[in-house]
Amino acid sequence: MFACKKAVKIAPEGSIIGSRGLAWALTGDFSRAIQDFELFIKWSDDDEEKAQQQGWVYTLKK
């Protein structure tokens, strides 16, 4: 988490935010994971990656 947080501070808009979201999800912090995934979805132009993270958001909200 330390590395993810530091990387997001350096580059707050980018794919690393999705990686930090995954780290949050894997450590059980679902609300922060959802926040990061939703930020990534707004930022990204990659429809495939956006769809993947939208699926994660849907699953975590259950």
N, C-alpha and C. Protein backbone atom coordinates (compact mmCIF):
# COMPACT_ATOMS: atom_id res chain seq x y z
N MET A 1 0.82 -1.18 0.00
CA MET A 1 0.00 0.00 0.00
C MET A 1 0.87 1.26 0.00
N PHE A 2 1.98 1.19 0.70
CA PHE A 2 2.88 2.35 0.74
C PHE A 2 3.30 2.75 -0.68
N ALA A 3 3.71 1.77 -1.46
CA ALA A 3 4.17 2.06 -2.82
C ALA A 3 3.02 2.57 -3.69
N CYS A 4 1.85 2.01 -3.54
CA CYS A 4 0.69 2.46 -4.33
C CYS A 4 0.33 3.89 -3.98
N LYS A 5 0.30 4.21 -2.70
CA LYS A 5 -0.04 5.57 -2.27
C LYS A 5 0.98 6.58 -2.80
N LYS A 6 2.24 6.21 -2.72
CA LYS A 6 3.31 7.10 -3.19
C LYS A 6 3.21 7.30 -4.71
N ALA A 7 2.96 6.23 -5.44
CA ALA A 7 2.85 6.32 -6.90
C ALA A 7 1.67 7.21 -7.31
N VAL A 8 0.55 7.12 -6.60
CA VAL A 8 -0.61 7.95 -6.92
C VAL A 8 -0.32 9.41 -6.62
N LYS A 9 0.47 9.69 -5.57
CA LYS A 9 0.85 11.08 -5.29
C LYS A 9 1.69 11.65 -6.42
N ILE A 10 2.54 10.82 -7.00
CA ILE A 10 3.41 11.27 -8.08
C ILE A 10 2.61 11.45 -9.37
N ALA A 11 1.70 10.53 -9.66
CA ALA A 11 0.91 10.57 -10.89
C ALA A 11 -0.56 10.29 -10.54
N PRO A 12 -1.29 11.33 -10.05
CA PRO A 12 -2.66 11.09 -9.59
C PRO A 12 -3.66 10.69 -10.68
N GLU A 13 -3.36 10.99 -11.91
CA GLU A 13 -4.23 10.57 -13.01
C GLU A 13 -3.47 9.56 -13.85
N GLY A 14 -3.93 8.35 -13.81
CA GLY A 14 -3.25 7.32 -14.57
C GLY A 14 -3.70 5.95 -14.13
N SER A 15 -3.13 4.97 -14.77
CA SER A 15 -3.55 3.59 -14.50
C SER A 15 -3.17 3.13 -13.11
N ILE A 16 -2.22 3.80 -12.46
CA ILE A 16 -1.81 3.38 -11.12
C ILE A 16 -2.98 3.50 -10.13
N ILE A 17 -3.90 4.40 -10.39
CA ILE A 17 -5.05 4.54 -9.48
C ILE A 17 -5.90 3.27 -9.49
N GLY A 18 -5.99 2.63 -10.63
CA GLY A 18 -6.69 1.35 -10.70
C GLY A 18 -5.94 0.26 -9.96
N SER A 19 -4.63 0.31 -10.02
CA SER A 19 -3.81 -0.66 -9.28
C SER A 19 -3.96 -0.47 -7.78
N ARG A 20 -4.00 0.80 -7.36
CA ARG A 20 -4.21 1.05 -5.94
C ARG A 20 -5.60 0.57 -5.52
N GLY A 21 -6.59 0.74 -6.40
CA GLY A 21 -7.93 0.24 -6.10
C GLY A 21 -7.93 -1.26 -5.89
N LEU A 22 -7.19 -1.96 -6.72
CA LEU A 22 -7.08 -3.41 -6.56
C LEU A 22 -6.41 -3.77 -5.24
N ALA A 23 -5.38 -3.03 -4.88
CA ALA A 23 -4.71 -3.27 -3.59
C ALA A 23 -5.68 -3.04 -2.43
N TRP A 24 -6.47 -1.96 -2.52
CA TRP A 24 -7.47 -1.71 -1.47
C TRP A 24 -8.45 -2.88 -1.38
N ALA A 25 -8.91 -3.35 -2.52
CA ALA A 25 -9.88 -4.46 -2.53
C ALA A 25 -9.28 -5.72 -1.92
N LEU A 26 -8.04 -6.01 -2.25
CA LEU A 26 -7.40 -7.21 -1.74
C LEU A 26 -7.12 -7.15 -0.25
N THR A 27 -7.03 -5.92 0.30
CA THR A 27 -6.81 -5.78 1.74
C THR A 27 -8.12 -5.56 2.49
N GLY A 28 -9.25 -5.62 1.77
CA GLY A 28 -10.56 -5.56 2.42
C GLY A 28 -11.16 -4.17 2.57
N ASP A 29 -10.51 -3.15 2.03
CA ASP A 29 -11.05 -1.79 2.12
C ASP A 29 -11.85 -1.49 0.86
N PHE A 30 -13.06 -2.01 0.83
CA PHE A 30 -13.87 -1.96 -0.38
C PHE A 30 -14.32 -0.54 -0.74
N SER A 31 -14.60 0.29 0.24
CA SER A 31 -15.05 1.65 -0.08
C SER A 31 -13.95 2.44 -0.79
N ARG A 32 -12.72 2.32 -0.32
CA ARG A 32 -11.60 3.00 -1.00
C ARG A 32 -11.34 2.38 -2.37
N ALA A 33 -11.49 1.08 -2.47
CA ALA A 33 -11.31 0.42 -3.76
C ALA A 33 -12.32 0.97 -4.77
N ILE A 34 -13.56 1.06 -4.36
CA ILE A 34 -14.62 1.58 -5.25
C ILE A 34 -14.29 3.00 -5.67
N GLN A 35 -13.85 3.83 -4.74
CA GLN A 35 -13.50 5.22 -5.07
C GLN A 35 -12.41 5.27 -6.14
N ASP A 36 -11.36 4.46 -5.97
CA ASP A 36 -10.26 4.46 -6.93
C ASP A 36 -10.70 3.90 -8.29
N PHE A 37 -11.50 2.85 -8.28
CA PHE A 37 -11.98 2.30 -9.54
C PHE A 37 -12.84 3.32 -10.28
N GLU A 38 -13.69 4.03 -9.55
CA GLU A 38 -14.54 5.03 -10.19
C GLU A 38 -13.72 6.20 -10.75
N LEU A 39 -12.66 6.59 -10.04
CA LEU A 39 -11.76 7.61 -10.57
C LEU A 39 -11.08 7.13 -11.85
N PHE A 40 -10.63 5.88 -11.84
CA PHE A 40 -9.99 5.33 -13.03
C PHE A 40 -10.96 5.32 -14.20
N ILE A 41 -12.20 4.92 -13.95
CA ILE A 41 -13.21 4.84 -15.01
C ILE A 41 -13.42 6.23 -15.64
N LYS A 42 -13.46 7.27 -14.83
CA LYS A 42 -13.61 8.63 -15.34
C LYS A 42 -12.40 9.07 -16.16
N TRP A 43 -11.22 8.65 -15.73
CA TRP A 43 -9.97 9.08 -16.36
C TRP A 43 -9.66 8.34 -17.65
N SER A 44 -9.90 7.06 -17.68
CA SER A 44 -9.42 6.20 -18.77
C SER A 44 -10.21 6.35 -20.07
N ASP A 45 -9.51 6.15 -21.17
CA ASP A 45 -10.12 6.09 -22.49
C ASP A 45 -10.19 4.65 -23.00
N ASP A 46 -9.67 3.71 -22.23
CA ASP A 46 -9.62 2.31 -22.63
C ASP A 46 -10.93 1.61 -22.23
N ASP A 47 -11.78 1.37 -23.20
CA ASP A 47 -13.10 0.80 -22.92
C ASP A 47 -13.03 -0.57 -22.26
N GLU A 48 -12.06 -1.36 -22.64
CA GLU A 48 -11.93 -2.70 -22.06
C GLU A 48 -11.56 -2.63 -20.58
N GLU A 49 -10.57 -1.79 -20.24
CA GLU A 49 -10.18 -1.65 -18.85
C GLU A 49 -11.29 -1.00 -18.02
N LYS A 50 -11.98 -0.03 -18.60
CA LYS A 50 -13.09 0.59 -17.90
C LYS A 50 -14.19 -0.43 -17.59
N ALA A 51 -14.50 -1.28 -18.55
CA ALA A 51 -15.53 -2.30 -18.34
C ALA A 51 -15.11 -3.26 -17.23
N GLN A 52 -13.84 -3.63 -17.20
CA GLN A 52 -13.35 -4.53 -16.16
C GLN A 52 -13.53 -3.89 -14.79
N GLN A 53 -13.13 -2.64 -14.66
CA GLN A 53 -13.21 -1.99 -13.36
C GLN A 53 -14.65 -1.65 -12.99
N GLN A 54 -15.50 -1.41 -13.96
CA GLN A 54 -16.93 -1.22 -13.67
C GLN A 54 -17.51 -2.52 -13.10
N GLY A 55 -17.07 -3.65 -13.61
CA GLY A 55 -17.49 -4.93 -13.07
C GLY A 55 -17.04 -5.11 -11.63
N TRP A 56 -15.83 -4.69 -11.34
CA TRP A 56 -15.31 -4.78 -9.96
C TRP A 56 -16.14 -3.89 -9.03
N VAL A 57 -16.46 -2.68 -9.49
CA VAL A 57 -17.28 -1.76 -8.68
C VAL A 57 -18.61 -2.41 -8.39
N TYR A 58 -19.24 -2.97 -9.41
CA TYR A 58 -20.54 -3.63 -9.24
C TYR A 58 -20.44 -4.74 -8.20
N THR A 59 -19.41 -5.55 -8.32
CA THR A 59 -19.23 -6.69 -7.40
C THR A 59 -18.97 -6.20 -5.97
N LEU A 60 -18.12 -5.20 -5.82
CA LEU A 60 -17.79 -4.72 -4.47
C LEU A 60 -18.98 -4.03 -3.80
N LYS A 61 -19.85 -3.43 -4.58
CA LYS A 61 -21.01 -2.77 -4.01
C LYS A 61 -22.04 -3.78 -3.50
N LYS A 62 -21.98 -5.02 -3.98
CA LYS A 62 -22.89 -6.06 -3.50
C LYS A 62 -22.52 -6.38 -2.10
